């Protein structure tokens, strides 16, 4: 078994944690408020631990269920204690891993898990920095391994341990992601919200973006139109407030 490599920051015990953010999205739907377990935490390098076994069951596909090709995945780039462990993992941490690849472990919300089970190799996701001073989209990563069993659910020393999950019927899944590139400029939540409100009033691809309709969900699907709009907004020079970005979307 390959040695485990902590990839969501250090696992050392920090002396204090008095500066936790209290912003709107301080809790995702993967939080203890939703499922009774801590869910965000360290990521591990791809292929480490018990990651070779494919999950026993996939989310059921329905003919009426939308099929997505693009995603938004949230993680915390700033230090925060969870059971004495620093759960920090930002896009820069992903870049430092071997082959810039790691497993997206610790998701403990069923809908977010099911979205990961829908992911296909080669698809792309925005790396979204959450629960920090300036939340927003920092870069793009690629799905390089489709969903398989999240081994952290069985590790009693891990912040993602779930005593109710059994080895013969595991509840939780993860995917492997690889850093692809940073955005040309960071797109803050405040800018995305302005565009969302404009599209909500006049119509547009960000009208139903899950970042605002299901704000606390840590893994979210994106329509192709939303992906193109956000990518395009990243390619243009930031204009003065009276110009706005809506004409580019």
Foldseek 3Di string as FASTA:
>chain_A
DDAKDWQQDFFAFDDDAPPFFPDPQLAFCQDCVNQVAHFQATWIAPPPDPFPAFAPDAPDDDPPDDQFQEKEFEHAQDFDDQPRGTRHHAQVSCCPGVQSKTKPGRRRDQVLQNVLQRYDFFGKYFYWHPRDPWTFTWAMKTFHFGKGARVLCCDPVHRSHPPVADPVHGDGIITMIHGDDTQPDTDTPVLLVVLCVVCCVVNAQSVVFCCPVNVRHRMGGGHPRRVVLVNQVSVDDDDPPVVRCNVRD
